[in-house]
Structures are given as C-alpha cells and as structure tokens.
Amino acid sequence: MSTKYKATTTEEAYFITITTVGWIDVFTRLNQKYIITNALRYCQENKGLEIYAYVIMSSHIHLLCKATNSFILSDVIRDFKKFTSKKIINTIIEEPESRREWMLAYFRKSCEHLKRDQHYKVWQDGYHAEHIYSNSFIKQKVSYIHDNPVKDKCVSLPEDYYFSSARNYAGLEHEIEVILLDLF
C-alpha cells in the first residue's frame, strides 16, 4: 500500500481529509455531526490527538492535527473511523432518518467487494494526509479548512459555521477545543 498520503511518522503534524464513500452527505444532521465531535474529543482525551484546526462538512472532515504521547496518528485515525462508522450506522438505523433505506443500501453495497466480513462501509479507504512542513503551509491549510463552508455557501463568514475551529480562532463559542496557533 502506498504511503504517499498517509501519516507515517510520529510527533509530526498533518493536514488530513477523511471522506465518506461516494461523498454521501451523512453529516447534514446534527446527531451525525455530534458523533464526530464526541469521537474527536475522545481521541483528544484518550489517544493523544492534538487538533489545531478542523471542519466537519456534509461528506468529509478536514483536520490539522498530530498524535502525541507515543500514539501513532495512523492508528488514531483508523480507530476513529472504525468507531464512528459503527455509530453512524446505528444512528441511521435507530433514529429518524428520511434517507435510511438508500443510505444503508449504499453503505452495504460499498463493502461487497471486501474480503473481510463487513456489513456496511461508511468511510473511503484510508485518508488523505499531507505532512506539515512550513508555517506558510500551515496558514494555507488552516485557511482552506476554515473557508470550506464559505466556498460551499453554507455560511458567509468562516466563524459562522459552528462545526469548525474558525469559531475558536474568532473567540466564539465552539464545539471542540483546539490548540490555537499564533500564526494568525
């Protein structure tokens, strides 16, 4: 397997994108967004995840982060995806969801080709990780993360999008604590 876009080192920061299969808009419901925020908080508290910037879009997540305390980022992301996948499916099954049948059918079909015994596949294989190598790269990626909801026309200003660290940087109420970078 290629390591071109994988977090293969420890103690270094990465820009990471995690995407749902077929770019399905799973995170249009608050209950699904809270699955992600709760899991990210758990990873911060128990798996050494440091988050510097994030955004939860309808079909993907962007993070600027690193693993600390001898945790390996690729393991943290693997566990995050495994846990959230199960929670997302359970939420689709158990809570009101008008798209239940076609979402479950799509997620079921997405894992038919797999050799392992799996009933649903929520996330695309792997994740896209880019090693952070300079302050200008950090600024570029944080701006990209925060501007994502603006480009998607969800909000007019980055800090108006509740599920983004743009709120942290603007000193507003926020969902997840992040480590603020003093580059801004």
Foldseek 3Di string as FASTA:
>chain_A
DDCPFPQPDAPFKKKWKWFWVVLAQLPPDPVLLVLLLVLVQCCVVPFQKAWAKWFDGRTMIITTIHGDPPHGVQVSVVVSQVVSVVVSLVCLVPDDDPCSPVQQVVQQVVCPPPPDDDRGGTIDPDIGIDTDDDPVSVVVSRCCRQCVCCVVVVDVGSCVRARICVVVVVVHDHSHDHDHDPSD
